[in-house]
């Protein structure tokens, strides 16, 4: 039965049926510093986050997220999380729960003793935790990018949405972590939603890669009927390219042997105008996890009534053909594609 399921998936290659109505990013919307302010919504599913990552060397990274979520019984609805991956393979995590206080000029978000400052050209944090004391700044080397209007809708309810934009596709990173000064490259983004992620996508793919020469970022949201919305950004210190005019193909599915109906694509292909292509073929599974494992038994039971998400980290090599300052360019880098399946 499982083999037959895998064969059927391989045959359809996740392609959208001819009858499916168009779905995905559309229109256009300008970008301003005001977009970085909180967007409080009267919805129990309201969630908003400001996120960043810095890469100092291979496997030596800093990740931060300031997240506000109405899906909590706590009076403080926000959490500032920081994760530091050290060169020797250790991961140090720290967090502070708070109620966000915001100022608009410049954009300043205060979370307890920690601060996030942001504009369309930079993002910086001061985080004071029990295990980590961090000051970090990302200074943009490329223009901010919004995938068209930045918004994808619940196909069953157009009032429900997920809104996203890349504040910094590629930037220089300067950080001081527990007294150690580090330099590298990174990116930052902002998003908010008034609905459950399981209503926006069945599969959700995301890749973020940085080194001293290039940054490669892309995302694909795909519905159960195969319709998809995708964006991609590629940048160096001197050139950048970003687009949401893409056709996404997810193929060669790897079934989850422990969870019926769950799978991750082993091949990802994005094709755009002007000769842009991004291909990650023949990926292998690096790791998988149940995204509700951190919840209590009662919390997980309630959550699984709506969504039963799994996370798959797939390893492969991204092969990109793009236009850099008007000239064709080819880039190839090893990447990890994070695949989240929200429901069967």
C-alpha atoms as a PDB file:
ATOM      1  CA  UNK A   1       0.000   0.000   0.000  1.00  0.00           C
ATOM      2  CA  UNK A   2       2.780   2.423   0.935  1.00  0.00           C
ATOM      3  CA  UNK A   3       4.641   1.595  -2.274  1.00  0.00           C
ATOM      4  CA  UNK A   4       1.527   2.259  -4.328  1.00  0.00           C
ATOM      5  CA  UNK A   5       1.094   5.575  -2.514  1.00  0.00           C
ATOM      6  CA  UNK A   6       4.670   6.557  -3.347  1.00  0.00           C
ATOM      7  CA  UNK A   7       4.224   5.587  -7.002  1.00  0.00           C
ATOM      8  CA  UNK A   8       1.062   7.661  -7.321  1.00  0.00           C
ATOM      9  CA  UNK A   9       2.805  10.678  -5.792  1.00  0.00           C
ATOM     10  CA  UNK A  10       5.740  10.276  -8.124  1.00  0.00           C
ATOM     11  CA  UNK A  11       3.442  10.148 -11.131  1.00  0.00           C
ATOM     12  CA  UNK A  12       1.554  13.320 -10.277  1.00  0.00           C
ATOM     13  CA  UNK A  13       4.786  15.063  -9.168  1.00  0.00           C
ATOM     14  CA  UNK A  14       2.647  17.370  -7.019  1.00  0.00           C
ATOM     15  CA  UNK A  15       1.522  19.171 -10.204  1.00  0.00           C
ATOM     16  CA  UNK A  16      -1.616  21.319  -9.954  1.00  0.00           C
ATOM     17  CA  UNK A  17      -4.639  19.925 -11.787  1.00  0.00           C
ATOM     18  CA  UNK A  18      -5.758  21.844 -14.865  1.00  0.00           C
ATOM     19  CA  UNK A  19      -9.061  22.765 -13.214  1.00  0.00           C
ATOM     20  CA  UNK A  20      -7.499  24.422 -10.161  1.00  0.00           C
ATOM     21  CA  UNK A  21      -8.143  28.161  -9.794  1.00  0.00           C
ATOM     22  CA  UNK A  22      -5.137  30.444  -9.547  1.00  0.00           C
ATOM     23  CA  UNK A  23      -3.744  30.852  -6.026  1.00  0.00           C
ATOM     24  CA  UNK A  24      -0.666  32.607  -4.667  1.00  0.00           C
ATOM     25  CA  UNK A  25       0.969  36.031  -4.459  1.00  0.00           C
ATOM     26  CA  UNK A  26      -0.568  38.758  -6.620  1.00  0.00           C
ATOM     27  CA  UNK A  27      -0.645  42.510  -7.159  1.00  0.00           C
ATOM     28  CA  UNK A  28       1.974  44.755  -5.559  1.00  0.00           C
ATOM     29  CA  UNK A  29       2.587  46.729  -2.380  1.00  0.00           C
ATOM     30  CA  UNK A  30       5.241  49.289  -1.502  1.00  0.00           C
ATOM     31  CA  UNK A  31       7.665  48.788   1.397  1.00  0.00           C
ATOM     32  CA  UNK A  32       8.201  51.220   4.266  1.00  0.00           C
ATOM     33  CA  UNK A  33       9.539  51.258   7.815  1.00  0.00           C
ATOM     34  CA  UNK A  34       5.943  51.338   9.073  1.00  0.00           C
ATOM     35  CA  UNK A  35       5.524  47.772   7.818  1.00  0.00           C
ATOM     36  CA  UNK A  36       7.831  46.687  10.638  1.00  0.00           C
ATOM     37  CA  UNK A  37       5.513  47.899  13.384  1.00  0.00           C
ATOM     38  CA  UNK A  38       3.154  45.394  15.059  1.00  0.00           C
ATOM     39  CA  UNK A  39      -0.126  44.638  13.269  1.00  0.00           C
ATOM     40  CA  UNK A  40      -2.417  43.616  16.163  1.00  0.00           C
ATOM     41  CA  UNK A  41      -5.403  41.659  14.852  1.00  0.00           C
ATOM     42  CA  UNK A  42      -8.606  40.613  16.551  1.00  0.00           C
ATOM     43  CA  UNK A  43      -8.097  36.919  15.959  1.00  0.00           C
ATOM     44  CA  UNK A  44      -7.186  34.017  18.222  1.00  0.00           C
ATOM     45  CA  UNK A  45      -4.880  32.852  15.419  1.00  0.00           C
ATOM     46  CA  UNK A  46      -2.992  36.160  15.217  1.00  0.00           C
ATOM     47  CA  UNK A  47       0.762  35.617  15.135  1.00  0.00           C
ATOM     48  CA  UNK A  48       3.498  38.050  14.150  1.00  0.00           C
ATOM     49  CA  UNK A  49       7.256  37.633  14.060  1.00  0.00           C
ATOM     50  CA  UNK A  50      10.461  39.484  13.343  1.00  0.00           C
ATOM     51  CA  UNK A  51      13.254  37.032  12.496  1.00  0.00           C
ATOM     52  CA  UNK A  52      16.916  37.083  11.602  1.00  0.00           C
ATOM     53  CA  UNK A  53      19.860  34.786  11.032  1.00  0.00           C
ATOM     54  CA  UNK A  54      23.606  35.392  10.906  1.00  0.00           C
ATOM     55  CA  UNK A  55      26.193  32.958   9.559  1.00  0.00           C
ATOM     56  CA  UNK A  56      29.763  33.427  10.780  1.00  0.00           C
ATOM     57  CA  UNK A  57      31.168  30.192   9.313  1.00  0.00           C
ATOM     58  CA  UNK A  58      29.839  26.772   8.349  1.00  0.00           C
ATOM     59  CA  UNK A  59      27.655  25.469  11.230  1.00  0.00           C
ATOM     60  CA  UNK A  60      28.447  28.613  13.254  1.00  0.00           C
ATOM     61  CA  UNK A  61      25.233  30.661  13.337  1.00  0.00           C
ATOM     62  CA  UNK A  62      22.966  32.956  15.314  1.00  0.00           C
ATOM     63  CA  UNK A  63      19.164  32.898  14.928  1.00  0.00           C
ATOM     64  CA  UNK A  64      16.661  35.191  16.620  1.00  0.00           C
ATOM     65  CA  UNK A  65      12.861  35.511  16.620  1.00  0.00           C
ATOM     66  CA  UNK A  66      10.598  37.977  18.351  1.00  0.00           C
ATOM     67  CA  UNK A  67       7.162  36.346  18.219  1.00  0.00           C
ATOM     68  CA  UNK A  68       3.782  37.606  19.346  1.00  0.00           C
ATOM     69  CA  UNK A  69       1.049  34.976  19.436  1.00  0.00           C
ATOM     70  CA  UNK A  70      -2.533  35.109  20.668  1.00  0.00           C
ATOM     71  CA  UNK A  71      -2.457  31.319  20.946  1.00  0.00           C
ATOM     72  CA  UNK A  72      -1.357  31.316  24.566  1.00  0.00           C
ATOM     73  CA  UNK A  73      -3.101  31.495  27.910  1.00  0.00           C
ATOM     74  CA  UNK A  74      -0.268  33.600  29.338  1.00  0.00           C
ATOM     75  CA  UNK A  75      -0.789  37.320  29.918  1.00  0.00           C
ATOM     76  CA  UNK A  76       2.503  38.096  28.154  1.00  0.00           C
ATOM     77  CA  UNK A  77       1.816  37.145  24.551  1.00  0.00           C
ATOM     78  CA  UNK A  78       5.333  37.581  23.134  1.00  0.00           C
ATOM     79  CA  UNK A  79       8.581  35.620  23.326  1.00  0.00           C
ATOM     80  CA  UNK A  80      12.058  36.736  22.255  1.00  0.00           C
ATOM     81  CA  UNK A  81      14.037  33.610  21.336  1.00  0.00           C
ATOM     82  CA  UNK A  82      17.733  33.392  20.496  1.00  0.00           C
ATOM     83  CA  UNK A  83      19.641  30.318  19.314  1.00  0.00           C
ATOM     84  CA  UNK A  84      23.422  30.206  19.045  1.00  0.00           C
ATOM     85  CA  UNK A  85      25.098  27.295  17.254  1.00  0.00           C
ATOM     86  CA  UNK A  86      28.764  27.123  18.254  1.00  0.00           C
ATOM     87  CA  UNK A  87      31.684  25.912  16.089  1.00  0.00           C
ATOM     88  CA  UNK A  88      32.057  22.787  18.256  1.00  0.00           C
ATOM     89  CA  UNK A  89      28.533  21.626  17.481  1.00  0.00           C
ATOM     90  CA  UNK A  90      26.712  22.847  20.588  1.00  0.00           C
ATOM     91  CA  UNK A  91      23.386  24.682  20.488  1.00  0.00           C
ATOM     92  CA  UNK A  92      22.614  27.256  23.167  1.00  0.00           C
ATOM     93  CA  UNK A  93      19.014  28.496  23.375  1.00  0.00           C
ATOM     94  CA  UNK A  94      17.604  31.291  25.476  1.00  0.00           C
ATOM     95  CA  UNK A  95      14.287  33.134  25.651  1.00  0.00           C
ATOM     96  CA  UNK A  96      12.439  35.946  27.376  1.00  0.00           C
ATOM     97  CA  UNK A  97       8.646  36.202  27.596  1.00  0.00           C
ATOM     98  CA  UNK A  98       7.140  39.675  27.524  1.00  0.00           C
ATOM     99  CA  UNK A  99       4.514  42.094  26.306  1.00  0.00           C
ATOM    100  CA  UNK A 100       5.907  44.071  23.362  1.00  0.00           C
ATOM    101  CA  UNK A 101       6.140  47.832  23.664  1.00  0.00           C
ATOM    102  CA  UNK A 102       6.691  49.605  20.345  1.00  0.00           C
ATOM    103  CA  UNK A 103       7.907  52.998  19.123  1.00  0.00           C
ATOM    104  CA  UNK A 104       7.620  54.145  15.536  1.00  0.00           C
ATOM    105  CA  UNK A 105      10.450  56.574  14.776  1.00  0.00           C
ATOM    106  CA  UNK A 106      12.690  54.680  14.546  1.00  0.00           C
ATOM    107  CA  UNK A 107      10.915  51.330  14.803  1.00  0.00           C
ATOM    108  CA  UNK A 108      11.786  49.985  18.230  1.00  0.00           C
ATOM    109  CA  UNK A 109      10.287  46.902  19.860  1.00  0.00           C
ATOM    110  CA  UNK A 110      10.988  46.398  23.548  1.00  0.00           C
ATOM    111  CA  UNK A 111      10.550  42.927  25.057  1.00  0.00           C
ATOM    112  CA  UNK A 112      11.377  43.025  28.763  1.00  0.00           C
ATOM    113  CA  UNK A 113      15.085  43.759  28.976  1.00  0.00           C
ATOM    114  CA  UNK A 114      15.643  43.037  25.269  1.00  0.00           C
ATOM    115  CA  UNK A 115      15.254  45.322  22.248  1.00  0.00           C
ATOM    116  CA  UNK A 116      14.802  44.953  18.486  1.00  0.00           C
ATOM    117  CA  UNK A 117      15.434  47.938  16.192  1.00  0.00           C
ATOM    118  CA  UNK A 118      14.474  47.746  12.531  1.00  0.00           C
ATOM    119  CA  UNK A 119      14.249  49.657   9.263  1.00  0.00           C
ATOM    120  CA  UNK A 120      14.253  48.743   5.580  1.00  0.00           C
ATOM    121  CA  UNK A 121      18.075  48.893   5.615  1.00  0.00           C
ATOM    122  CA  UNK A 122      19.064  47.244   8.900  1.00  0.00           C
ATOM    123  CA  UNK A 123      17.919  45.227  11.891  1.00  0.00           C
ATOM    124  CA  UNK A 124      19.625  44.990  15.258  1.00  0.00           C
ATOM    125  CA  UNK A 125      18.954  43.341  18.603  1.00  0.00           C
ATOM    126  CA  UNK A 126      20.054  43.604  22.195  1.00  0.00           C
ATOM    127  CA  UNK A 127      19.185  40.399  24.020  1.00  0.00           C
ATOM    128  CA  UNK A 128      19.833  39.936  27.735  1.00  0.00           C
ATOM    129  CA  UNK A 129      19.180  36.352  28.782  1.00  0.00           C
ATOM    130  CA  UNK A 130      20.345  33.923  31.434  1.00  0.00           C
ATOM    131  CA  UNK A 131      22.595  31.973  29.060  1.00  0.00           C
ATOM    132  CA  UNK A 132      23.136  34.409  26.213  1.00  0.00           C
ATOM    133  CA  UNK A 133      23.960  38.099  26.111  1.00  0.00           C
ATOM    134  CA  UNK A 134      23.810  39.254  22.510  1.00  0.00           C
ATOM    135  CA  UNK A 135      24.140  42.476  20.567  1.00  0.00           C
ATOM    136  CA  UNK A 136      23.870  41.982  16.816  1.00  0.00           C
ATOM    137  CA  UNK A 137      23.273  44.073  13.719  1.00  0.00           C
ATOM    138  CA  UNK A 138      22.439  43.158  10.132  1.00  0.00           C
ATOM    139  CA  UNK A 139      23.210  45.890   7.599  1.00  0.00           C
ATOM    140  CA  UNK A 140      21.586  45.347   4.213  1.00  0.00           C
ATOM    141  CA  UNK A 141      23.573  44.794   1.018  1.00  0.00           C
ATOM    142  CA  UNK A 142      20.443  44.264  -1.093  1.00  0.00           C
ATOM    143  CA  UNK A 143      17.030  45.886  -1.423  1.00  0.00           C
ATOM    144  CA  UNK A 144      14.122  44.615   0.680  1.00  0.00           C
ATOM    145  CA  UNK A 145      11.829  42.271  -1.202  1.00  0.00           C
ATOM    146  CA  UNK A 146       8.111  41.705  -0.930  1.00  0.00           C
ATOM    147  CA  UNK A 147       6.698  38.830  -3.035  1.00  0.00           C
ATOM    148  CA  UNK A 148       4.189  40.991  -4.986  1.00  0.00           C
ATOM    149  CA  UNK A 149       1.644  42.051  -2.343  1.00  0.00           C
ATOM    150  CA  UNK A 150       3.322  39.708   0.160  1.00  0.00           C
ATOM    151  CA  UNK A 151       0.106  37.928   0.963  1.00  0.00           C
ATOM    152  CA  UNK A 152      -1.254  34.423   0.378  1.00  0.00           C
ATOM    153  CA  UNK A 153      -4.827  33.620   1.324  1.00  0.00           C
ATOM    154  CA  UNK A 154      -6.694  30.716   2.788  1.00  0.00           C
ATOM    155  CA  UNK A 155      -8.278  29.326  -0.413  1.00  0.00           C
ATOM    156  CA  UNK A 156     -11.479  28.646   1.530  1.00  0.00           C
ATOM    157  CA  UNK A 157     -11.709  32.053   3.221  1.00  0.00           C
ATOM    158  CA  UNK A 158     -10.160  35.121   1.588  1.00  0.00           C
ATOM    159  CA  UNK A 159     -10.301  37.061   4.871  1.00  0.00           C
ATOM    160  CA  UNK A 160      -7.636  34.755   6.322  1.00  0.00           C
ATOM    161  CA  UNK A 161      -4.061  35.380   5.207  1.00  0.00           C
ATOM    162  CA  UNK A 162      -0.324  35.051   5.758  1.00  0.00           C
ATOM    163  CA  UNK A 163       1.717  38.206   5.033  1.00  0.00           C
ATOM    164  CA  UNK A 164       5.503  38.058   4.485  1.00  0.00           C
ATOM    165  CA  UNK A 165       8.443  40.120   3.245  1.00  0.00           C
ATOM    166  CA  UNK A 166      12.225  39.945   3.288  1.00  0.00           C
ATOM    167  CA  UNK A 167      13.545  42.952   5.160  1.00  0.00           C
ATOM    168  CA  UNK A 168      17.163  42.026   4.362  1.00  0.00           C
ATOM    169  CA  UNK A 169      17.813  39.361   1.705  1.00  0.00           C
ATOM    170  CA  UNK A 170      21.580  39.677   2.260  1.00  0.00           C
ATOM    171  CA  UNK A 171      23.374  41.789   4.810  1.00  0.00           C
ATOM    172  CA  UNK A 172      26.632  42.093   6.703  1.00  0.00           C
ATOM    173  CA  UNK A 173      26.391  40.724  10.232  1.00  0.00           C
ATOM    174  CA  UNK A 174      28.270  42.043  13.245  1.00  0.00           C
ATOM    175  CA  UNK A 175      27.593  40.417  16.614  1.00  0.00           C
ATOM    176  CA  UNK A 176      28.903  40.231  20.135  1.00  0.00           C
ATOM    177  CA  UNK A 177      27.861  37.005  21.847  1.00  0.00           C
ATOM    178  CA  UNK A 178      28.845  36.482  25.475  1.00  0.00           C
ATOM    179  CA  UNK A 179      31.772  38.839  24.931  1.00  0.00           C
ATOM    180  CA  UNK A 180      32.993  37.342  21.627  1.00  0.00           C
ATOM    181  CA  UNK A 181      32.902  39.596  18.534  1.00  0.00           C
ATOM    182  CA  UNK A 182      31.863  37.824  15.322  1.00  0.00           C
ATOM    183  CA  UNK A 183      31.420  38.877  11.681  1.00  0.00           C
ATOM    184  CA  UNK A 184      29.532  37.254   8.838  1.00  0.00           C
ATOM    185  CA  UNK A 185      26.465  37.530   6.618  1.00  0.00           C
ATOM    186  CA  UNK A 186      22.774  37.079   7.210  1.00  0.00           C
ATOM    187  CA  UNK A 187      19.165  37.991   6.480  1.00  0.00           C
ATOM    188  CA  UNK A 188      16.011  39.196   8.225  1.00  0.00           C
ATOM    189  CA  UNK A 189      12.277  38.968   7.571  1.00  0.00           C
ATOM    190  CA  UNK A 190       8.891  39.924   8.981  1.00  0.00           C
ATOM    191  CA  UNK A 191       5.535  38.151   8.809  1.00  0.00           C
ATOM    192  CA  UNK A 192       2.100  38.098  10.383  1.00  0.00           C
ATOM    193  CA  UNK A 193      -1.047  36.027  10.023  1.00  0.00           C
ATOM    194  CA  UNK A 194      -4.607  35.789  11.286  1.00  0.00           C
ATOM    195  CA  UNK A 195      -5.085  32.104  10.577  1.00  0.00           C
ATOM    196  CA  UNK A 196      -3.548  28.702  11.215  1.00  0.00           C
ATOM    197  CA  UNK A 197      -0.633  27.766   8.969  1.00  0.00           C
ATOM    198  CA  UNK A 198      -2.417  24.514   8.130  1.00  0.00           C
ATOM    199  CA  UNK A 199      -5.077  26.568   6.318  1.00  0.00           C
ATOM    200  CA  UNK A 200      -2.481  28.215   4.073  1.00  0.00           C
ATOM    201  CA  UNK A 201      -0.398  25.196   3.085  1.00  0.00           C
ATOM    202  CA  UNK A 202      -0.150  21.467   3.172  1.00  0.00           C
ATOM    203  CA  UNK A 203       3.588  21.602   2.473  1.00  0.00           C
ATOM    204  CA  UNK A 204       5.755  24.566   3.429  1.00  0.00           C
ATOM    205  CA  UNK A 205       9.386  24.657   2.221  1.00  0.00           C
ATOM    206  CA  UNK A 206      12.051  27.173   3.212  1.00  0.00           C
ATOM    207  CA  UNK A 207      15.795  27.527   2.609  1.00  0.00           C
ATOM    208  CA  UNK A 208      18.180  30.158   3.950  1.00  0.00           C
ATOM    209  CA  UNK A 209      21.840  29.945   2.925  1.00  0.00           C
ATOM    210  CA  UNK A 210      24.659  32.474   3.429  1.00  0.00           C
ATOM    211  CA  UNK A 211      28.410  32.452   2.961  1.00  0.00           C
ATOM    212  CA  UNK A 212      31.043  35.101   2.209  1.00  0.00           C
ATOM    213  CA  UNK A 213      30.183  35.105  -1.495  1.00  0.00           C
ATOM    214  CA  UNK A 214      26.460  34.530  -1.938  1.00  0.00           C
ATOM    215  CA  UNK A 215      23.059  34.253  -0.277  1.00  0.00           C
ATOM    216  CA  UNK A 216      20.324  31.904  -1.512  1.00  0.00           C
ATOM    217  CA  UNK A 217      16.816  32.046  -0.054  1.00  0.00           C
ATOM    218  CA  UNK A 218      13.549  30.578  -1.259  1.00  0.00           C
ATOM    219  CA  UNK A 219      10.165  29.383  -0.047  1.00  0.00           C
ATOM    220  CA  UNK A 220       7.320  27.318  -1.481  1.00  0.00           C
ATOM    221  CA  UNK A 221       3.816  26.976  -0.078  1.00  0.00           C
ATOM    222  CA  UNK A 222       1.759  24.201  -1.628  1.00  0.00           C
ATOM    223  CA  UNK A 223      -1.871  23.198  -1.171  1.00  0.00           C
ATOM    224  CA  UNK A 224      -3.119  19.630  -1.126  1.00  0.00           C
ATOM    225  CA  UNK A 225      -4.449  20.008  -4.696  1.00  0.00           C
ATOM    226  CA  UNK A 226      -0.946  20.935  -5.916  1.00  0.00           C
ATOM    227  CA  UNK A 227      -1.330  24.697  -6.352  1.00  0.00           C
ATOM    228  CA  UNK A 228       1.750  26.548  -5.120  1.00  0.00           C
ATOM    229  CA  UNK A 229       3.092  30.005  -4.280  1.00  0.00           C
ATOM    230  CA  UNK A 230       6.850  30.573  -4.327  1.00  0.00           C
ATOM    231  CA  UNK A 231       9.530  33.237  -4.114  1.00  0.00           C
ATOM    232  CA  UNK A 232      13.320  33.214  -4.408  1.00  0.00           C
ATOM    233  CA  UNK A 233      16.169  35.635  -3.738  1.00  0.00           C
ATOM    234  CA  UNK A 234      19.847  35.382  -4.694  1.00  0.00           C
ATOM    235  CA  UNK A 235      22.422  38.020  -3.787  1.00  0.00           C
ATOM    236  CA  UNK A 236      26.118  38.806  -3.580  1.00  0.00           C
ATOM    237  CA  UNK A 237      27.747  41.925  -2.131  1.00  0.00           C
ATOM    238  CA  UNK A 238      27.439  43.608  -5.536  1.00  0.00           C
ATOM    239  CA  UNK A 239      24.289  42.154  -7.124  1.00  0.00           C
ATOM    240  CA  UNK A 240      20.867  40.857  -6.146  1.00  0.00           C
ATOM    241  CA  UNK A 241      17.851  39.221  -7.769  1.00  0.00           C
ATOM    242  CA  UNK A 242      14.465  38.384  -6.293  1.00  0.00           C
ATOM    243  CA  UNK A 243      11.188  37.207  -7.799  1.00  0.00           C
ATOM    244  CA  UNK A 244       7.805  35.714  -6.998  1.00  0.00           C
ATOM    245  CA  UNK A 245       6.963  35.057 -10.661  1.00  0.00           C
ATOM    246  CA  UNK A 246       7.822  31.390 -10.374  1.00  0.00           C
ATOM    247  CA  UNK A 247       6.510  27.989 -11.329  1.00  0.00           C
ATOM    248  CA  UNK A 248       7.299  25.475  -8.584  1.00  0.00           C
ATOM    249  CA  UNK A 249       7.600  21.729  -9.115  1.00  0.00           C
ATOM    250  CA  UNK A 250       8.041  19.415  -6.128  1.00  0.00           C
ATOM    251  CA  UNK A 251       8.764  15.863  -7.194  1.00  0.00           C
ATOM    252  CA  UNK A 252      10.219  12.468  -6.259  1.00  0.00           C
ATOM    253  CA  UNK A 253       8.480  12.288  -2.846  1.00  0.00           C
ATOM    254  CA  UNK A 254      10.067  10.482   0.082  1.00  0.00           C
ATOM    255  CA  UNK A 255       7.240   8.854   2.117  1.00  0.00           C
ATOM    256  CA  UNK A 256       7.461   8.984   5.904  1.00  0.00           C
ATOM    257  CA  UNK A 257       7.652   5.318   6.914  1.00  0.00           C
ATOM    258  CA  UNK A 258       6.242   6.114  10.343  1.00  0.00           C
ATOM    259  CA  UNK A 259       3.339   8.386   9.416  1.00  0.00           C
ATOM    260  CA  UNK A 260       0.823   7.507   6.723  1.00  0.00           C
ATOM    261  CA  UNK A 261       0.140  10.232   4.182  1.00  0.00           C
ATOM    262  CA  UNK A 262       3.247  12.245   5.014  1.00  0.00           C
ATOM    263  CA  UNK A 263       6.165  12.827   2.632  1.00  0.00           C
ATOM    264  CA  UNK A 264       8.886  15.276   1.640  1.00  0.00           C
ATOM    265  CA  UNK A 265       9.940  16.085  -1.944  1.00  0.00           C
ATOM    266  CA  UNK A 266      13.434  15.012  -2.958  1.00  0.00           C
ATOM    267  CA  UNK A 267      13.445  17.347  -5.980  1.00  0.00           C
ATOM    268  CA  UNK A 268      12.592  21.063  -5.982  1.00  0.00           C
ATOM    269  CA  UNK A 269      12.550  23.143  -9.165  1.00  0.00           C
ATOM    270  CA  UNK A 270      11.670  26.830  -9.474  1.00  0.00           C
ATOM    271  CA  UNK A 271      11.459  28.398 -12.938  1.00  0.00           C
ATOM    272  CA  UNK A 272      10.983  32.114 -13.593  1.00  0.00           C
ATOM    273  CA  UNK A 273      11.223  34.683 -16.335  1.00  0.00           C
ATOM    274  CA  UNK A 274      14.487  35.853 -17.884  1.00  0.00           C
ATOM    275  CA  UNK A 275      16.082  32.424 -17.632  1.00  0.00           C
ATOM    276  CA  UNK A 276      15.937  32.125 -13.835  1.00  0.00           C
ATOM    277  CA  UNK A 277      16.027  28.547 -12.563  1.00  0.00           C
ATOM    278  CA  UNK A 278      16.663  27.066  -9.141  1.00  0.00           C
ATOM    279  CA  UNK A 279      16.981  23.313  -8.923  1.00  0.00           C
ATOM    280  CA  UNK A 280      17.680  21.129  -5.890  1.00  0.00           C
ATOM    281  CA  UNK A 281      17.660  17.531  -7.182  1.00  0.00           C
ATOM    282  CA  UNK A 282      18.088  14.218  -5.384  1.00  0.00           C
ATOM    283  CA  UNK A 283      17.873  15.441  -1.813  1.00  0.00           C
ATOM    284  CA  UNK A 284      18.312  13.080   1.121  1.00  0.00           C
ATOM    285  CA  UNK A 285      16.732  13.144   4.563  1.00  0.00           C
ATOM    286  CA  UNK A 286      18.941  14.695   7.234  1.00  0.00           C
ATOM    287  CA  UNK A 287      16.440  14.610  10.095  1.00  0.00           C
ATOM    288  CA  UNK A 288      12.736  14.634  10.918  1.00  0.00           C
ATOM    289  CA  UNK A 289      10.724  15.688  13.955  1.00  0.00           C
ATOM    290  CA  UNK A 290       7.184  16.014  15.239  1.00  0.00           C
ATOM    291  CA  UNK A 291       6.567  19.751  15.520  1.00  0.00           C
ATOM    292  CA  UNK A 292       4.270  19.281  18.534  1.00  0.00           C
ATOM    293  CA  UNK A 293       6.768  17.281  20.594  1.00  0.00           C
ATOM    294  CA  UNK A 294       7.517  20.261  22.836  1.00  0.00           C
ATOM    295  CA  UNK A 295       3.911  20.573  23.988  1.00  0.00           C
ATOM    296  CA  UNK A 296       2.298  18.930  26.974  1.00  0.00           C
ATOM    297  CA  UNK A 297       0.093  15.891  26.376  1.00  0.00           C
ATOM    298  CA  UNK A 298      -3.075  17.981  26.699  1.00  0.00           C
ATOM    299  CA  UNK A 299      -1.747  20.804  24.500  1.00  0.00           C
ATOM    300  CA  UNK A 300      -0.638  18.359  21.810  1.00  0.00           C
ATOM    301  CA  UNK A 301      -4.005  16.567  21.900  1.00  0.00           C
ATOM    302  CA  UNK A 302      -5.856  19.840  21.330  1.00  0.00           C
ATOM    303  CA  UNK A 303      -3.421  21.028  18.629  1.00  0.00           C
ATOM    304  CA  UNK A 304      -3.670  17.781  16.647  1.00  0.00           C
ATOM    305  CA  UNK A 305      -7.413  18.321  16.238  1.00  0.00           C
ATOM    306  CA  UNK A 306      -6.459  21.130  13.842  1.00  0.00           C
ATOM    307  CA  UNK A 307      -2.966  20.349  12.581  1.00  0.00           C
ATOM    308  CA  UNK A 308      -0.532  17.456  12.968  1.00  0.00           C
ATOM    309  CA  UNK A 309       2.693  18.976  11.597  1.00  0.00           C
ATOM    310  CA  UNK A 310       5.945  17.196  10.812  1.00  0.00           C
ATOM    311  CA  UNK A 311       9.316  18.765   9.981  1.00  0.00           C
ATOM    312  CA  UNK A 312      11.786  17.222   7.531  1.00  0.00           C
ATOM    313  CA  UNK A 313      15.277  18.609   6.924  1.00  0.00           C
ATOM    314  CA  UNK A 314      16.368  17.620   3.414  1.00  0.00           C
ATOM    315  CA  UNK A 315      19.974  17.976   2.210  1.00  0.00           C
ATOM    316  CA  UNK A 316      20.995  18.704  -1.354  1.00  0.00           C
ATOM    317  CA  UNK A 317      22.787  21.063  -3.715  1.00  0.00           C
ATOM    318  CA  UNK A 318      21.024  24.171  -5.020  1.00  0.00           C
ATOM    319  CA  UNK A 319      21.882  24.946  -8.636  1.00  0.00           C
ATOM    320  CA  UNK A 320      20.869  28.487  -9.563  1.00  0.00           C
ATOM    321  CA  UNK A 321      20.918  30.336 -12.875  1.00  0.00           C
ATOM    322  CA  UNK A 322      20.146  34.024 -12.401  1.00  0.00           C
ATOM    323  CA  UNK A 323      20.909  37.513 -13.673  1.00  0.00           C
ATOM    324  CA  UNK A 324      23.558  39.510 -11.774  1.00  0.00           C
ATOM    325  CA  UNK A 325      23.850  43.160 -12.839  1.00  0.00           C
ATOM    326  CA  UNK A 326      22.436  42.326 -16.239  1.00  0.00           C
ATOM    327  CA  UNK A 327      24.739  39.383 -16.812  1.00  0.00           C
ATOM    328  CA  UNK A 328      23.890  35.656 -16.594  1.00  0.00           C
ATOM    329  CA  UNK A 329      25.365  33.956 -13.529  1.00  0.00           C
ATOM    330  CA  UNK A 330      25.474  30.396 -12.213  1.00  0.00           C
ATOM    331  CA  UNK A 331      25.699  29.523  -8.534  1.00  0.00           C
ATOM    332  CA  UNK A 332      25.835  26.120  -6.821  1.00  0.00           C
ATOM    333  CA  UNK A 333      25.806  25.588  -3.055  1.00  0.00           C
ATOM    334  CA  UNK A 334      24.965  22.803  -0.537  1.00  0.00           C
ATOM    335  CA  UNK A 335      21.707  23.664   1.219  1.00  0.00           C
ATOM    336  CA  UNK A 336      19.216  22.315   3.718  1.00  0.00           C
ATOM    337  CA  UNK A 337      15.587  22.575   2.628  1.00  0.00           C
ATOM    338  CA  UNK A 338      13.235  22.566   5.615  1.00  0.00           C
ATOM    339  CA  UNK A 339       9.960  20.876   4.663  1.00  0.00           C
ATOM    340  CA  UNK A 340       6.958  21.215   6.963  1.00  0.00           C
ATOM    341  CA  UNK A 341       3.853  19.140   6.277  1.00  0.00           C
ATOM    342  CA  UNK A 342       0.976  20.620   8.202  1.00  0.00           C
ATOM    343  CA  UNK A 343      -1.595  17.829   7.739  1.00  0.00           C
ATOM    344  CA  UNK A 344      -2.093  14.553   5.856  1.00  0.00           C
END
